[in-house]
Amino acid sequence: MKKLFLPFVLITIFSQVNAESSSQEQAKSILQTLRQDLTSLSADFQQQEIDINQNQSEVSSGKVWLNSPNQFRWEYIEPAPQLIVANGEQVWIYDEDLEQVTIKPQDSSANPIYVLLDDSKTDKNYQADLIKISPIDEENNYSWIELTPRNQNDEVKQIWLGVEDNMIRVLQIRNQMDNNVVFKFSNTTRNPEIKSDLFNFSVPDGTDILMENPGFGESDY
């Protein structure tokens, strides 16, 4: 029996390695197909946070526009208007109710938003695996890709992408406190015509401006 033990262990290890390699290759293939000829994206979204005790926040909703490789406009409509705009160099976070805008440098290449469009940032910052178990409770037929940061960071612990019909339907982000933020996308349009000024922001008169020190830490965006 002892003679058989080592070969059995080796076979088991090699089987696990092959399975992991296969799941990574399948995930990469799905992402490559999804991003093929994809330069921009627009969609409606719903967002909800679920904490470690399964308490659920109020649902927020709005519209998002993405432009490869690093421009985005994330516009919250309900329950309160808020706007996040990034032009590739800086980010504006505008709170209409508070009449306040925060301006910060755009220097975080590991931001989960970028992995939706950019192969290079995904490969550099995350390991992608195709998984069989859905991370969300509701029934679905999505292909689920799990993204694990290659280097630990203060914000993102895990990311899941739910893909169906060559579209991202769900983006789920788990932070280091094991809280999950779930984005569900609908009415998605591939490569819409987007005016460049959509990714710039003109500060309204009377708005308080908060500038983040570029030399202090790294921006979350």
C-alpha atoms as a PDB file:
ATOM      1  CA  MET A   1       0.000   0.000   0.000  1.00  0.00           C
ATOM      2  CA  LYS A   2       2.876   2.368   0.789  1.00  0.00           C
ATOM      3  CA  LYS A   3       4.245   1.876  -2.725  1.00  0.00           C
ATOM      4  CA  LEU A   4       0.912   2.910  -4.192  1.00  0.00           C
ATOM      5  CA  PHE A   5       0.528   5.961  -1.971  1.00  0.00           C
ATOM      6  CA  LEU A   6       3.061   8.253  -3.669  1.00  0.00           C
ATOM      7  CA  PRO A   7       1.845   7.620  -7.245  1.00  0.00           C
ATOM      8  CA  PHE A   8      -1.732   8.174  -6.069  1.00  0.00           C
ATOM      9  CA  VAL A   9      -0.770  11.503  -4.467  1.00  0.00           C
ATOM     10  CA  LEU A  10       1.107  12.573  -7.614  1.00  0.00           C
ATOM     11  CA  ILE A  11      -1.872  11.694  -9.832  1.00  0.00           C
ATOM     12  CA  THR A  12      -4.160  13.688  -7.524  1.00  0.00           C
ATOM     13  CA  ILE A  13      -1.829  16.708  -7.570  1.00  0.00           C
ATOM     14  CA  PHE A  14      -1.465  16.631 -11.355  1.00  0.00           C
ATOM     15  CA  SER A  15      -5.240  16.322 -11.766  1.00  0.00           C
ATOM     16  CA  GLN A  16      -5.766  19.379  -9.560  1.00  0.00           C
ATOM     17  CA  VAL A  17      -3.128  21.367 -11.467  1.00  0.00           C
ATOM     18  CA  ASN A  18      -4.710  20.424 -14.809  1.00  0.00           C
ATOM     19  CA  ALA A  19      -8.171  21.389 -13.547  1.00  0.00           C
ATOM     20  CA  GLU A  20      -6.889  24.756 -12.293  1.00  0.00           C
ATOM     21  CA  SER A  21      -5.074  25.378 -15.565  1.00  0.00           C
ATOM     22  CA  SER A  22      -8.213  24.483 -17.519  1.00  0.00           C
ATOM     23  CA  SER A  23     -10.415  26.817 -15.436  1.00  0.00           C
ATOM     24  CA  GLN A  24      -7.964  29.664 -15.994  1.00  0.00           C
ATOM     25  CA  GLU A  25      -7.782  29.013 -19.741  1.00  0.00           C
ATOM     26  CA  GLN A  26     -11.590  28.908 -19.980  1.00  0.00           C
ATOM     27  CA  ALA A  27     -11.913  32.159 -18.008  1.00  0.00           C
ATOM     28  CA  LYS A  28      -9.356  33.857 -20.234  1.00  0.00           C
ATOM     29  CA  SER A  29     -11.155  32.623 -23.354  1.00  0.00           C
ATOM     30  CA  ILE A  30     -14.520  33.969 -22.142  1.00  0.00           C
ATOM     31  CA  LEU A  31     -12.997  37.364 -21.301  1.00  0.00           C
ATOM     32  CA  GLN A  32     -11.181  37.568 -24.636  1.00  0.00           C
ATOM     33  CA  THR A  33     -14.374  36.764 -26.533  1.00  0.00           C
ATOM     34  CA  LEU A  34     -16.349  39.278 -24.483  1.00  0.00           C
ATOM     35  CA  ARG A  35     -13.806  42.038 -25.111  1.00  0.00           C
ATOM     36  CA  GLN A  36     -13.198  41.285 -28.782  1.00  0.00           C
ATOM     37  CA  ASP A  37     -13.615  44.544 -30.750  1.00  0.00           C
ATOM     38  CA  LEU A  38     -15.048  46.137 -27.591  1.00  0.00           C
ATOM     39  CA  THR A  39     -14.002  49.768 -27.193  1.00  0.00           C
ATOM     40  CA  SER A  40     -16.915  51.222 -25.224  1.00  0.00           C
ATOM     41  CA  LEU A  41     -19.950  50.170 -23.248  1.00  0.00           C
ATOM     42  CA  SER A  42     -23.106  51.678 -21.785  1.00  0.00           C
ATOM     43  CA  ALA A  43     -25.673  50.116 -19.460  1.00  0.00           C
ATOM     44  CA  ASP A  44     -28.268  50.709 -16.783  1.00  0.00           C
ATOM     45  CA  PHE A  45     -27.270  49.382 -13.372  1.00  0.00           C
ATOM     46  CA  GLN A  46     -28.601  48.516  -9.947  1.00  0.00           C
ATOM     47  CA  GLN A  47     -26.240  48.457  -6.993  1.00  0.00           C
ATOM     48  CA  GLN A  48     -26.631  46.945  -3.536  1.00  0.00           C
ATOM     49  CA  GLU A  49     -24.267  46.240  -0.669  1.00  0.00           C
ATOM     50  CA  ILE A  50     -24.572  43.071   1.430  1.00  0.00           C
ATOM     51  CA  ASP A  51     -22.565  42.946   4.649  1.00  0.00           C
ATOM     52  CA  ILE A  52     -20.996  39.937   6.337  1.00  0.00           C
ATOM     53  CA  ASN A  53     -24.242  39.373   8.305  1.00  0.00           C
ATOM     54  CA  GLN A  54     -26.287  39.369   5.070  1.00  0.00           C
ATOM     55  CA  ASN A  55     -27.868  42.732   5.849  1.00  0.00           C
ATOM     56  CA  GLN A  56     -28.777  44.447   2.581  1.00  0.00           C
ATOM     57  CA  SER A  57     -28.536  48.140   1.812  1.00  0.00           C
ATOM     58  CA  GLU A  58     -31.039  50.165  -0.157  1.00  0.00           C
ATOM     59  CA  VAL A  59     -30.804  49.571  -3.916  1.00  0.00           C
ATOM     60  CA  SER A  60     -29.196  52.369  -5.925  1.00  0.00           C
ATOM     61  CA  SER A  61     -29.707  52.681  -9.662  1.00  0.00           C
ATOM     62  CA  GLY A  62     -28.404  54.690 -12.558  1.00  0.00           C
ATOM     63  CA  LYS A  63     -26.446  54.574 -15.805  1.00  0.00           C
ATOM     64  CA  VAL A  64     -22.820  53.836 -16.627  1.00  0.00           C
ATOM     65  CA  TRP A  65     -20.615  54.557 -19.647  1.00  0.00           C
ATOM     66  CA  LEU A  66     -17.171  53.016 -20.134  1.00  0.00           C
ATOM     67  CA  ASN A  67     -14.595  53.927 -22.748  1.00  0.00           C
ATOM     68  CA  SER A  68     -11.451  51.839 -23.190  1.00  0.00           C
ATOM     69  CA  PRO A  69      -9.013  51.794 -21.585  1.00  0.00           C
ATOM     70  CA  ASN A  70      -9.668  53.972 -18.533  1.00  0.00           C
ATOM     71  CA  GLN A  71     -12.514  56.462 -18.959  1.00  0.00           C
ATOM     72  CA  PHE A  72     -15.857  56.049 -17.238  1.00  0.00           C
ATOM     73  CA  ARG A  73     -18.955  57.915 -16.139  1.00  0.00           C
ATOM     74  CA  TRP A  74     -20.953  56.384 -13.292  1.00  0.00           C
ATOM     75  CA  GLU A  75     -24.199  58.295 -12.785  1.00  0.00           C
ATOM     76  CA  TYR A  76     -26.433  57.510  -9.807  1.00  0.00           C
ATOM     77  CA  ILE A  77     -30.044  58.589 -10.207  1.00  0.00           C
ATOM     78  CA  GLU A  78     -31.919  56.867  -7.370  1.00  0.00           C
ATOM     79  CA  PRO A  79     -32.258  57.224  -4.419  1.00  0.00           C
ATOM     80  CA  ALA A  80     -29.925  60.242  -4.502  1.00  0.00           C
ATOM     81  CA  PRO A  81     -28.085  61.814  -7.437  1.00  0.00           C
ATOM     82  CA  GLN A  82     -24.322  61.354  -7.465  1.00  0.00           C
ATOM     83  CA  LEU A  83     -21.785  61.355 -10.276  1.00  0.00           C
ATOM     84  CA  ILE A  84     -18.332  59.789 -10.688  1.00  0.00           C
ATOM     85  CA  VAL A  85     -16.417  60.803 -13.808  1.00  0.00           C
ATOM     86  CA  ALA A  86     -12.904  59.744 -14.866  1.00  0.00           C
ATOM     87  CA  ASN A  87     -11.083  61.023 -17.941  1.00  0.00           C
ATOM     88  CA  GLY A  88      -7.949  58.894 -17.674  1.00  0.00           C
ATOM     89  CA  GLU A  89      -6.021  61.447 -15.621  1.00  0.00           C
ATOM     90  CA  GLN A  90      -8.306  62.535 -12.809  1.00  0.00           C
ATOM     91  CA  VAL A  91     -11.584  61.637 -11.146  1.00  0.00           C
ATOM     92  CA  TRP A  92     -14.465  63.885 -10.086  1.00  0.00           C
ATOM     93  CA  ILE A  93     -16.903  62.654  -7.420  1.00  0.00           C
ATOM     94  CA  TYR A  94     -19.853  65.012  -7.346  1.00  0.00           C
ATOM     95  CA  ASP A  95     -22.551  64.978  -4.673  1.00  0.00           C
ATOM     96  CA  GLU A  96     -25.406  67.128  -5.910  1.00  0.00           C
ATOM     97  CA  ASP A  97     -27.263  67.245  -2.585  1.00  0.00           C
ATOM     98  CA  LEU A  98     -24.143  68.359  -0.674  1.00  0.00           C
ATOM     99  CA  GLU A  99     -23.076  70.692  -3.498  1.00  0.00           C
ATOM    100  CA  GLN A 100     -19.590  69.228  -3.168  1.00  0.00           C
ATOM    101  CA  VAL A 101     -17.069  67.708  -5.571  1.00  0.00           C
ATOM    102  CA  THR A 102     -13.935  65.744  -4.705  1.00  0.00           C
ATOM    103  CA  ILE A 103     -11.157  65.795  -7.306  1.00  0.00           C
ATOM    104  CA  LYS A 104      -8.434  63.158  -7.128  1.00  0.00           C
ATOM    105  CA  PRO A 105      -5.746  61.699  -9.373  1.00  0.00           C
ATOM    106  CA  GLN A 106      -6.688  58.621 -11.365  1.00  0.00           C
ATOM    107  CA  ASP A 107      -3.858  56.250 -10.618  1.00  0.00           C
ATOM    108  CA  SER A 108      -5.223  52.893  -9.477  1.00  0.00           C
ATOM    109  CA  SER A 109      -4.798  50.365 -12.284  1.00  0.00           C
ATOM    110  CA  ALA A 110      -6.288  47.597 -10.114  1.00  0.00           C
ATOM    111  CA  ASN A 111      -9.701  49.261  -9.908  1.00  0.00           C
ATOM    112  CA  PRO A 112     -12.396  46.648 -10.690  1.00  0.00           C
ATOM    113  CA  ILE A 113     -14.038  48.989 -13.201  1.00  0.00           C
ATOM    114  CA  TYR A 114     -11.054  48.713 -15.535  1.00  0.00           C
ATOM    115  CA  VAL A 115     -11.151  44.912 -15.731  1.00  0.00           C
ATOM    116  CA  LEU A 116     -14.441  45.148 -17.610  1.00  0.00           C
ATOM    117  CA  LEU A 117     -12.645  46.421 -20.714  1.00  0.00           C
ATOM    118  CA  ASP A 118      -8.893  46.040 -20.324  1.00  0.00           C
ATOM    119  CA  ASP A 119      -7.187  42.657 -20.846  1.00  0.00           C
ATOM    120  CA  SER A 120      -3.769  43.925 -19.812  1.00  0.00           C
ATOM    121  CA  LYS A 121      -4.937  45.268 -16.439  1.00  0.00           C
ATOM    122  CA  THR A 122      -6.787  42.027 -15.735  1.00  0.00           C
ATOM    123  CA  ASP A 123      -3.780  39.821 -16.529  1.00  0.00           C
ATOM    124  CA  LYS A 124      -1.403  42.052 -14.595  1.00  0.00           C
ATOM    125  CA  ASN A 125      -3.488  42.485 -11.456  1.00  0.00           C
ATOM    126  CA  TYR A 126      -5.756  39.435 -11.200  1.00  0.00           C
ATOM    127  CA  GLN A 127      -5.821  35.680 -11.610  1.00  0.00           C
ATOM    128  CA  ALA A 128      -8.991  34.673 -13.458  1.00  0.00           C
ATOM    129  CA  ASP A 129     -10.735  31.309 -12.925  1.00  0.00           C
ATOM    130  CA  LEU A 130     -13.984  29.903 -14.260  1.00  0.00           C
ATOM    131  CA  ILE A 131     -16.012  28.642 -11.300  1.00  0.00           C
ATOM    132  CA  LYS A 132     -19.051  26.356 -11.147  1.00  0.00           C
ATOM    133  CA  ILE A 133     -20.815  27.775  -8.084  1.00  0.00           C
ATOM    134  CA  SER A 134     -22.690  31.070  -8.401  1.00  0.00           C
ATOM    135  CA  PRO A 135     -21.695  33.664  -5.768  1.00  0.00           C
ATOM    136  CA  ILE A 136     -25.227  35.133  -5.741  1.00  0.00           C
ATOM    137  CA  ASP A 137     -28.307  33.445  -4.270  1.00  0.00           C
ATOM    138  CA  GLU A 138     -30.744  33.881  -7.149  1.00  0.00           C
ATOM    139  CA  GLU A 139     -30.989  31.340  -9.961  1.00  0.00           C
ATOM    140  CA  ASN A 140     -29.046  32.176 -13.121  1.00  0.00           C
ATOM    141  CA  ASN A 141     -27.334  30.590 -16.110  1.00  0.00           C
ATOM    142  CA  TYR A 142     -24.304  32.870 -16.101  1.00  0.00           C
ATOM    143  CA  SER A 143     -20.724  31.806 -16.646  1.00  0.00           C
ATOM    144  CA  TRP A 144     -18.955  32.966 -13.481  1.00  0.00           C
ATOM    145  CA  ILE A 145     -15.389  34.234 -13.560  1.00  0.00           C
ATOM    146  CA  GLU A 146     -13.624  34.705 -10.252  1.00  0.00           C
ATOM    147  CA  LEU A 147     -10.848  37.305 -10.156  1.00  0.00           C
ATOM    148  CA  THR A 148      -8.326  37.124  -7.318  1.00  0.00           C
ATOM    149  CA  PRO A 149      -5.859  40.010  -6.826  1.00  0.00           C
ATOM    150  CA  ARG A 150      -2.276  38.927  -7.492  1.00  0.00           C
ATOM    151  CA  ASN A 151      -1.135  41.370  -4.827  1.00  0.00           C
ATOM    152  CA  GLN A 152      -3.136  42.012  -1.670  1.00  0.00           C
ATOM    153  CA  ASN A 153      -4.620  45.493  -1.438  1.00  0.00           C
ATOM    154  CA  ASP A 154      -6.643  47.389   1.128  1.00  0.00           C
ATOM    155  CA  GLU A 155      -9.868  47.383  -0.868  1.00  0.00           C
ATOM    156  CA  VAL A 156     -10.541  44.360  -3.069  1.00  0.00           C
ATOM    157  CA  LYS A 157     -10.468  40.790  -1.785  1.00  0.00           C
ATOM    158  CA  GLN A 158     -12.343  39.078  -4.632  1.00  0.00           C
ATOM    159  CA  ILE A 159     -14.261  39.952  -7.796  1.00  0.00           C
ATOM    160  CA  TRP A 160     -16.857  37.906  -9.667  1.00  0.00           C
ATOM    161  CA  LEU A 161     -18.152  38.546 -13.176  1.00  0.00           C
ATOM    162  CA  GLY A 162     -21.414  36.941 -14.312  1.00  0.00           C
ATOM    163  CA  VAL A 163     -21.323  36.613 -18.119  1.00  0.00           C
ATOM    164  CA  GLU A 164     -24.182  35.663 -20.442  1.00  0.00           C
ATOM    165  CA  ASP A 165     -24.565  36.063 -24.232  1.00  0.00           C
ATOM    166  CA  ASN A 166     -21.178  37.772 -24.397  1.00  0.00           C
ATOM    167  CA  MET A 167     -22.314  40.466 -21.950  1.00  0.00           C
ATOM    168  CA  ILE A 168     -21.401  41.157 -18.325  1.00  0.00           C
ATOM    169  CA  ARG A 169     -24.637  40.852 -16.374  1.00  0.00           C
ATOM    170  CA  VAL A 170     -23.280  41.025 -12.813  1.00  0.00           C
ATOM    171  CA  LEU A 171     -20.189  42.485 -11.177  1.00  0.00           C
ATOM    172  CA  GLN A 172     -19.702  41.533  -7.528  1.00  0.00           C
ATOM    173  CA  ILE A 173     -16.868  42.949  -5.438  1.00  0.00           C
ATOM    174  CA  ARG A 174     -15.890  41.649  -1.989  1.00  0.00           C
ATOM    175  CA  ASN A 175     -13.798  43.951   0.180  1.00  0.00           C
ATOM    176  CA  GLN A 176     -11.384  43.071   2.971  1.00  0.00           C
ATOM    177  CA  MET A 177     -14.232  43.260   5.524  1.00  0.00           C
ATOM    178  CA  ASP A 178     -16.111  40.564   3.549  1.00  0.00           C
ATOM    179  CA  ASN A 179     -18.854  42.968   2.516  1.00  0.00           C
ATOM    180  CA  ASN A 180     -20.108  42.461  -1.027  1.00  0.00           C
ATOM    181  CA  VAL A 181     -21.138  45.177  -3.478  1.00  0.00           C
ATOM    182  CA  VAL A 182     -23.288  43.767  -6.288  1.00  0.00           C
ATOM    183  CA  PHE A 183     -23.855  45.570  -9.595  1.00  0.00           C
ATOM    184  CA  LYS A 184     -26.489  44.199 -11.973  1.00  0.00           C
ATOM    185  CA  PHE A 185     -26.440  45.499 -15.538  1.00  0.00           C
ATOM    186  CA  SER A 186     -29.275  45.712 -18.068  1.00  0.00           C
ATOM    187  CA  ASN A 187     -29.955  47.392 -21.432  1.00  0.00           C
ATOM    188  CA  THR A 188     -26.271  46.986 -22.224  1.00  0.00           C
ATOM    189  CA  THR A 189     -24.971  48.410 -25.503  1.00  0.00           C
ATOM    190  CA  ARG A 190     -21.625  47.454 -27.011  1.00  0.00           C
ATOM    191  CA  ASN A 191     -19.585  50.195 -28.682  1.00  0.00           C
ATOM    192  CA  PRO A 192     -22.145  53.016 -28.451  1.00  0.00           C
ATOM    193  CA  GLU A 193     -21.187  56.388 -29.874  1.00  0.00           C
ATOM    194  CA  ILE A 194     -20.005  58.411 -26.888  1.00  0.00           C
ATOM    195  CA  LYS A 195     -19.015  62.074 -27.009  1.00  0.00           C
ATOM    196  CA  SER A 196     -15.621  62.713 -25.432  1.00  0.00           C
ATOM    197  CA  ASP A 197     -16.956  65.475 -23.174  1.00  0.00           C
ATOM    198  CA  LEU A 198     -19.006  62.856 -21.319  1.00  0.00           C
ATOM    199  CA  PHE A 199     -15.795  61.951 -19.488  1.00  0.00           C
ATOM    200  CA  ASN A 200     -15.033  65.461 -18.284  1.00  0.00           C
ATOM    201  CA  PHE A 201     -16.766  67.426 -15.571  1.00  0.00           C
ATOM    202  CA  SER A 202     -17.415  71.165 -15.274  1.00  0.00           C
ATOM    203  CA  VAL A 203     -17.810  72.140 -11.645  1.00  0.00           C
ATOM    204  CA  PRO A 204     -21.118  74.014 -11.112  1.00  0.00           C
ATOM    205  CA  ASP A 205     -20.957  77.494  -9.620  1.00  0.00           C
ATOM    206  CA  GLY A 206     -21.219  77.518  -5.841  1.00  0.00           C
ATOM    207  CA  THR A 207     -19.892  73.962  -5.463  1.00  0.00           C
ATOM    208  CA  ASP A 208     -17.356  73.229  -2.713  1.00  0.00           C
ATOM    209  CA  ILE A 209     -14.180  71.689  -4.137  1.00  0.00           C
ATOM    210  CA  LEU A 210     -12.097  69.155  -2.187  1.00  0.00           C
ATOM    211  CA  MET A 211      -8.717  68.319  -3.702  1.00  0.00           C
ATOM    212  CA  GLU A 212      -7.016  65.058  -2.804  1.00  0.00           C
ATOM    213  CA  ASN A 213      -3.271  65.426  -2.296  1.00  0.00           C
ATOM    214  CA  PRO A 214      -1.650  63.500  -5.198  1.00  0.00           C
ATOM    215  CA  GLY A 215       1.287  62.632  -2.963  1.00  0.00           C
ATOM    216  CA  PHE A 216      -0.818  61.095  -0.211  1.00  0.00           C
ATOM    217  CA  GLY A 217      -1.550  57.427  -0.791  1.00  0.00           C
ATOM    218  CA  GLU A 218      -3.157  56.066  -3.918  1.00  0.00           C
ATOM    219  CA  SER A 219      -6.522  56.876  -5.344  1.00  0.00           C
ATOM    220  CA  ASP A 220      -9.248  54.219  -5.250  1.00  0.00           C
ATOM    221  CA  TYR A 221     -10.079  55.139  -8.855  1.00  0.00           C
END
